């Protein structure tokens, strides 16, 4: 297994692997590589849905998938599809987020496999929440360690959002009242496998800071969004057919760019169950 960095901050391409034929030692090494690099790209794989499901389950049990319909024969696989004639309509994953961070135990890893990619556009951008955290001064770090973020899916999957999701023909997303629930997680967490401190924040699902004046919370969230998505903390992945990208949701956030009107884009997504976030303090 050969690992090549894709930026000077985080992310790597891994060469010399067939994800359908990994022994236990190679799988352990790959998992450690994902945790260390936060985003790992494995090219030339062309996984079937069955192969992706099997590989994902080797990393751990599948994560719970609320709101979004999965493939009937593979209930852990989401088809992320936007058809060529859907123009500039809403695209799935088009806001900065960490997958399902509103759950009590959000996913540890996400695996996204390219099936049909446009000739240009449709990139996925990742941000390292480890690097963003490390760039803060000690005073800000000490303040943030004491805070608890309020995660909720209400601005993504509440019933009022149904018309937006219903405009996507290639995916079935059913919004319901469970999206209005709230889940509190430490704003600064300790990664359970690397022991590094990370900011566990994303604008899509963090909608408040617990026990903080609302105006102060809004100002802090605006700062955190602007800081964590600075170009110096990001990696922009240009999809190629056969790509498999594996990332650590516990230390990254990401978004899918919506700049490929007139072209079809399909990727298959699985998630690996995680554990409740652990406060760094």
Foldseek 3Di string as FASTA:
>chain_A
DDWAAPDPAAETEDPDDALLDDDPVRLVVVVVNQVVRQKYKYFDHQDDPVSVLVSQCVVHAFDDDPQWAADPVRRQKGKQKAAQQLFLADGPQAFKDQAPPQDQWGFFKKKKAFAFADPDAFKKKKFFQLVLLVPDDPVVNVVLLPWKFKFFQCQPAAPVCVVSVVSGPVIGGHGYDRRGDIDIARQWFQDPPPRGIGGLDGDNTGDFIPPDDGVVGVVVNVVVHVSRPPPVRMDIDDDDHRMMMMGTSRGMIMGTTRDNRSHMTIMMMITHTGHRTHRSD
